[in-house]
Each structure stands twice: as structure tokens, then as C-alpha cells.
């Protein structure tokens, strides 16, 4: 804080010098990151596209379309070669053989690219895209994850890319939450564990009970039901 003891008799507004206006170099302002988000860098709208950009391409294959989509996100490197070097998204392209989606693909990529070029906290796009639901219903991804729409999957791709370049933190519980989840899971498994002879079964899953030795160890082997515990076989 600066205390002014004298009377203010005039003032002047600081403006960019003529050289900066002539070259059109980007004006960059930094804001501290909030939560799990990286430092926000606001770029001047006069920022021009460099000749070469670094990018990543993601393949999207959904059960609601016969053709895959390829999502490419290109990044611009700010303050390259310095300790303040940052990689931020600059533009996005979506390529697909399915021409039914051509119009909304072009519109969506142009809008997202415009937001990327404006700079600032672009991570809000992730939440907006993931909140889009298909009125015809979503689909299940391999592994059991439900995806409400193709647009929502694009949101997850943008999120994945922002995590890769360090603009977003990896989602998930913190160390304390993970420890609590593991403790609750162990408690649940302990309460559900069988307390009889079947609780420590060392034989293959799906084995049947042997009528001779009363062990759940009978499996189909060489076309005949055979007990792995006592060797009893239906074939003699």
C-alpha cells in the first residue's frame, strides 16, 4: 500500500507502446488458479495463429454411429523456452465420415475454438458439454460407464486433454477420501464373507459339489465331470 501525502494535481492513463500495437504481440494477464484448476492466462484477442501448433488426436467410436469421430485439439505454447512456459488449447477439429452430423460439428468446433483463442478459464466448457443429454437416450461405454450423449463424450475428451496439458487436475477423491473408501470396502467385504467351509475355496469358480468328498471341486475335464480334490470321476 502506498500512502499519498501530497495533493493530486493530475493523472495519466498507461497505454501500450507503439511497438506493441505495430507487432500485434499478445498481451498476457495471469490470474491465480482456483481449486483444481491451473493458473488462468488471458490472451489478447489480436493473438494470431502460429505456423506450427502442437496437438493431440482422440478417436471416438460410439454404438450410435457406424463411423468413428477423430477429435484433434491443437495447443499454443506461451512463453516458450522460459520458466513461465505454458501450454494452452487454441483450436479443435472433429473429422468423421458421417455427414449427418456435419452442420453441428462445424458449428461446435468454431465456437469451442473461439473460446480457446479468447483464453482465460476455458475449463467451464467441460461441465457445459458433459451436461448435454440425448433425448433418444445415451449409451454404455466398454467398462460399464454410461455416456448421456455424443456431446458429453466430447466434453470428457476436452477434460482429458486439459488434464494432459496440466490445466486441470486429475479428477477423483483426495488421499483422505481414498483411505475412507478403502476402509469401508474392507469392512463391507469382511461382513459379506462366508463363515463356512466354502469361504476359502481354492478351486475354479463355478465348480460343483462332489458327492464323494463333499468339496466344491467338480469340474468338466476331458469331457467328464471330475473332482479336483479326491479324483472321483463320473467316467470311472
Protein backbone atom coordinates (compact mmCIF):
# COMPACT_ATOMS: atom_id res chain seq x y z
CA UNK A 1 0.00 0.00 0.00
CA UNK A 2 1.29 3.46 -0.93
CA UNK A 3 0.18 6.46 1.12
CA UNK A 4 -0.11 9.75 -0.82
CA UNK A 5 0.73 12.73 1.36
CA UNK A 6 0.55 15.40 -1.36
CA UNK A 7 -2.36 16.80 -3.31
CA UNK A 8 -3.07 15.05 -6.64
CA UNK A 9 -2.79 17.63 -9.43
CA UNK A 10 -3.05 15.34 -12.49
CA UNK A 11 -3.05 11.79 -13.80
CA UNK A 12 -2.22 9.82 -16.94
CA UNK A 13 -3.61 6.54 -18.39
CA UNK A 14 -0.99 3.94 -19.26
CA UNK A 15 -1.29 2.70 -22.85
CA UNK A 16 0.63 0.05 -24.84
CA UNK A 17 3.58 1.45 -26.69
CA UNK A 18 3.60 1.90 -30.45
CA UNK A 19 5.85 -1.11 -30.99
CA UNK A 20 3.40 -3.48 -29.30
CA UNK A 21 0.48 -2.08 -31.33
CA UNK A 22 2.50 -2.43 -34.51
CA UNK A 23 3.65 -6.03 -33.97
CA UNK A 24 0.35 -7.19 -32.53
CA UNK A 25 2.01 -9.42 -29.96
CA UNK A 26 -0.35 -11.00 -27.45
CA UNK A 27 -0.96 -9.27 -24.20
CA UNK A 28 -0.99 -11.86 -21.43
CA UNK A 29 -2.52 -11.41 -17.98
CA UNK A 30 -2.21 -14.02 -15.26
CA UNK A 31 -4.67 -14.88 -12.54
CA UNK A 32 -4.13 -17.35 -9.74
CA UNK A 33 -5.72 -20.79 -10.19
CA UNK A 34 -8.80 -21.77 -8.24
CA UNK A 35 -9.40 -25.22 -6.78
CA UNK A 36 -8.08 -27.96 -9.04
CA UNK A 37 -7.58 -25.64 -12.00
CA UNK A 38 -4.28 -24.32 -13.28
CA UNK A 39 -3.18 -20.71 -13.47
CA UNK A 40 -5.51 -18.74 -15.74
CA UNK A 41 -3.82 -16.97 -18.65
CA UNK A 42 -5.89 -14.38 -20.53
CA UNK A 43 -4.71 -13.74 -24.09
CA UNK A 44 -5.29 -10.62 -26.14
CA UNK A 45 -7.79 -11.04 -28.99
CA UNK A 46 -5.13 -9.90 -31.50
CA UNK A 47 -3.23 -13.15 -30.98
CA UNK A 48 -2.52 -14.66 -34.39
CA UNK A 49 -2.28 -18.35 -35.19
CA UNK A 50 1.32 -19.57 -35.33
CA UNK A 51 2.53 -21.54 -38.34
CA UNK A 52 3.00 -24.71 -36.26
CA UNK A 53 0.89 -25.93 -33.34
CA UNK A 54 1.31 -28.98 -31.13
CA UNK A 55 -1.80 -31.15 -30.84
CA UNK A 56 -3.34 -34.49 -29.92
CA UNK A 57 -5.96 -36.57 -31.74
CA UNK A 58 -8.52 -38.72 -29.92
CA UNK A 59 -10.65 -41.44 -31.53
CA UNK A 60 -14.33 -41.63 -30.55
CA UNK A 61 -16.29 -44.75 -31.53
CA UNK A 62 -19.85 -44.86 -30.25
CA UNK A 63 -22.54 -47.56 -30.69
CA UNK A 64 -24.97 -44.93 -32.02
CA UNK A 65 -22.88 -44.25 -35.13
CA UNK A 66 -21.37 -46.53 -37.75
CA UNK A 67 -18.35 -44.27 -38.23
CA UNK A 68 -15.76 -43.13 -35.71
CA UNK A 69 -15.01 -39.49 -35.00
CA UNK A 70 -11.48 -38.12 -34.65
CA UNK A 71 -11.12 -35.14 -32.33
CA UNK A 72 -7.95 -33.06 -32.71
CA UNK A 73 -7.08 -30.36 -30.17
CA UNK A 74 -4.14 -28.09 -31.01
CA UNK A 75 -2.29 -26.15 -28.32
CA UNK A 76 -0.32 -22.92 -28.34
CA UNK A 77 2.86 -22.66 -26.27
CA UNK A 78 3.15 -19.38 -24.38
CA UNK A 79 6.48 -18.01 -23.13
CA UNK A 80 8.30 -20.85 -24.88
CA UNK A 81 11.79 -21.55 -23.59
CA UNK A 82 11.28 -19.70 -20.29
CA UNK A 83 10.39 -20.79 -16.77
CA UNK A 84 6.87 -19.44 -17.39
CA UNK A 85 6.21 -21.72 -20.37
CA UNK A 86 2.58 -22.78 -20.56
CA UNK A 87 0.63 -24.98 -22.97
CA UNK A 88 -2.93 -23.89 -23.59
CA UNK A 89 -5.65 -25.10 -26.04
CA UNK A 90 -6.02 -22.98 -29.18
CA UNK A 91 -8.35 -24.80 -31.59
CA UNK A 92 -10.33 -28.01 -32.07
CA UNK A 93 -11.27 -30.05 -35.14
CA UNK A 94 -13.65 -33.00 -35.49
CA UNK A 95 -13.45 -35.29 -38.51
CA UNK A 96 -15.97 -38.01 -39.39
CA UNK A 97 -17.31 -39.86 -42.43
CA UNK A 98 -20.84 -39.45 -41.07
CA UNK A 99 -22.18 -36.38 -42.89
CA UNK A 100 -25.39 -36.41 -40.83
CA UNK A 101 -23.52 -34.55 -38.09
CA UNK A 102 -21.62 -32.16 -40.39
CA UNK A 103 -23.51 -28.96 -39.54
CA UNK A 104 -23.39 -29.21 -35.76
CA UNK A 105 -19.79 -30.44 -35.89
CA UNK A 106 -18.69 -27.32 -37.80
CA UNK A 107 -20.69 -25.02 -35.52
CA UNK A 108 -19.42 -26.68 -32.34
CA UNK A 109 -15.77 -26.66 -33.37
CA UNK A 110 -15.89 -22.99 -34.37
CA UNK A 111 -17.48 -21.94 -31.08
CA UNK A 112 -15.10 -24.01 -28.93
CA UNK A 113 -12.09 -22.76 -30.92
CA UNK A 114 -13.24 -19.16 -30.43
CA UNK A 115 -13.45 -19.73 -26.67
CA UNK A 116 -9.98 -21.34 -26.68
CA UNK A 117 -8.46 -18.40 -28.56
CA UNK A 118 -10.01 -15.89 -26.17
CA UNK A 119 -8.09 -17.55 -23.34
CA UNK A 120 -8.90 -17.37 -19.66
CA UNK A 121 -10.59 -20.12 -17.69
CA UNK A 122 -11.84 -22.32 -20.55
CA UNK A 123 -12.38 -25.31 -18.27
CA UNK A 124 -16.06 -24.38 -17.90
CA UNK A 125 -16.58 -25.92 -21.36
CA UNK A 126 -16.06 -29.35 -19.83
CA UNK A 127 -19.05 -29.04 -17.49
CA UNK A 128 -21.24 -27.50 -20.19
CA UNK A 129 -20.55 -30.27 -22.71
CA UNK A 130 -20.87 -33.10 -20.18
CA UNK A 131 -24.30 -31.78 -19.15
CA UNK A 132 -25.81 -32.35 -22.63
CA UNK A 133 -28.25 -35.30 -22.75
CA UNK A 134 -29.53 -37.03 -25.87
CA UNK A 135 -33.38 -37.15 -25.81
CA UNK A 136 -33.21 -40.54 -27.54
CA UNK A 137 -31.10 -41.92 -24.71
CA UNK A 138 -27.39 -42.35 -24.19
CA UNK A 139 -25.19 -45.41 -24.46
CA UNK A 140 -22.83 -47.54 -22.41
CA UNK A 141 -19.09 -47.45 -22.96
CA UNK A 142 -16.88 -50.54 -22.62
CA UNK A 143 -16.20 -50.94 -18.91
CA UNK A 144 -19.71 -50.03 -17.76
CA UNK A 145 -19.62 -46.23 -17.93
CA UNK A 146 -22.82 -44.52 -19.12
CA UNK A 147 -22.47 -41.68 -21.62
CA UNK A 148 -25.57 -39.44 -21.93
CA UNK A 149 -24.72 -38.18 -25.44
CA UNK A 150 -22.00 -37.80 -28.06
CA UNK A 151 -21.57 -34.16 -27.00
CA UNK A 152 -20.99 -35.31 -23.43
CA UNK A 153 -18.27 -37.65 -24.64
CA UNK A 154 -16.61 -34.71 -26.39
CA UNK A 155 -16.69 -32.96 -23.02
CA UNK A 156 -14.84 -35.88 -21.45
CA UNK A 157 -12.27 -35.71 -24.26
CA UNK A 158 -11.70 -31.98 -23.69
CA UNK A 159 -11.37 -32.71 -19.96
CA UNK A 160 -8.83 -35.46 -20.66
CA UNK A 161 -6.82 -33.10 -22.84
CA UNK A 162 -6.84 -30.28 -20.27
CA UNK A 163 -5.60 -32.76 -17.66
CA UNK A 164 -2.83 -33.87 -20.02
CA UNK A 165 -1.52 -30.31 -20.54
CA UNK A 166 -1.80 -29.51 -16.83
CA UNK A 167 -4.73 -27.11 -16.97
CA UNK A 168 -6.97 -29.37 -14.86
CA UNK A 169 -6.12 -31.70 -12.02
CA UNK A 170 -6.87 -35.41 -12.22
CA UNK A 171 -10.48 -35.92 -11.02
CA UNK A 172 -11.15 -38.22 -8.12
CA UNK A 173 -11.09 -38.34 -4.33
CA UNK A 174 -8.17 -36.99 -2.35
CA UNK A 175 -5.91 -39.14 -0.14
CA UNK A 176 -8.24 -38.92 2.87
CA UNK A 177 -11.30 -39.86 0.86
CA UNK A 178 -9.49 -42.79 -0.78
CA UNK A 179 -8.41 -44.08 2.62
CA UNK A 180 -12.01 -43.87 3.88
CA UNK A 181 -13.34 -45.67 0.78
CA UNK A 182 -10.78 -48.46 1.15
CA UNK A 183 -11.65 -48.88 4.84
CA UNK A 184 -15.39 -49.02 4.08
CA UNK A 185 -14.80 -51.50 1.27
CA UNK A 186 -12.73 -53.78 3.50
CA UNK A 187 -15.43 -53.57 6.18
CA UNK A 188 -18.13 -54.47 3.66
CA UNK A 189 -16.17 -57.41 2.23
CA UNK A 190 -15.48 -58.70 5.72
CA UNK A 191 -19.17 -58.57 6.62
CA UNK A 192 -20.15 -60.36 3.41
CA UNK A 193 -17.52 -63.08 3.70
CA UNK A 194 -18.83 -66.62 4.20
CA UNK A 195 -18.07 -68.20 7.55
CA UNK A 196 -18.29 -71.85 6.47
CA UNK A 197 -16.23 -74.41 4.58
CA UNK A 198 -16.93 -72.68 1.28
CA UNK A 199 -15.29 -69.39 2.33
CA UNK A 200 -11.76 -70.48 1.37
CA UNK A 201 -12.37 -72.25 -1.90
CA UNK A 202 -9.12 -72.85 -3.78
CA UNK A 203 -10.80 -74.44 -6.79
CA UNK A 204 -12.02 -72.82 -10.01
CA UNK A 205 -15.06 -70.57 -9.89
CA UNK A 206 -18.20 -72.43 -10.94
CA UNK A 207 -17.06 -75.81 -9.57
CA UNK A 208 -19.79 -78.14 -8.28
CA UNK A 209 -20.11 -80.10 -5.06
CA UNK A 210 -18.52 -83.56 -5.05
CA UNK A 211 -20.86 -86.25 -3.69
CA UNK A 212 -17.89 -88.33 -2.51
CA UNK A 213 -15.73 -85.88 -0.57
CA UNK A 214 -18.25 -83.03 -0.20
CA UNK A 215 -15.83 -80.49 -1.70
CA UNK A 216 -16.82 -77.86 -4.23
CA UNK A 217 -14.22 -79.06 -6.71
CA UNK A 218 -16.04 -80.90 -9.51
CA UNK A 219 -15.34 -79.51 -12.97
CA UNK A 220 -15.69 -80.70 -16.57
CA UNK A 221 -12.33 -82.14 -17.63
CA UNK A 222 -11.71 -84.15 -20.80
CA UNK A 223 -15.46 -84.43 -21.34
CA UNK A 224 -16.12 -85.90 -17.90
CA UNK A 225 -17.10 -84.42 -14.53
CA UNK A 226 -14.03 -84.87 -12.32
CA UNK A 227 -13.33 -83.85 -8.72
CA UNK A 228 -10.05 -81.98 -8.29
CA UNK A 229 -9.97 -82.81 -4.55
CA UNK A 230 -10.39 -86.58 -4.40
CA UNK A 231 -10.12 -87.51 -8.09
CA UNK A 232 -13.57 -89.06 -8.31
CA UNK A 233 -14.79 -89.17 -11.91
CA UNK A 234 -18.14 -89.96 -13.49
CA UNK A 235 -16.31 -91.88 -16.21
CA UNK A 236 -14.84 -94.38 -13.73
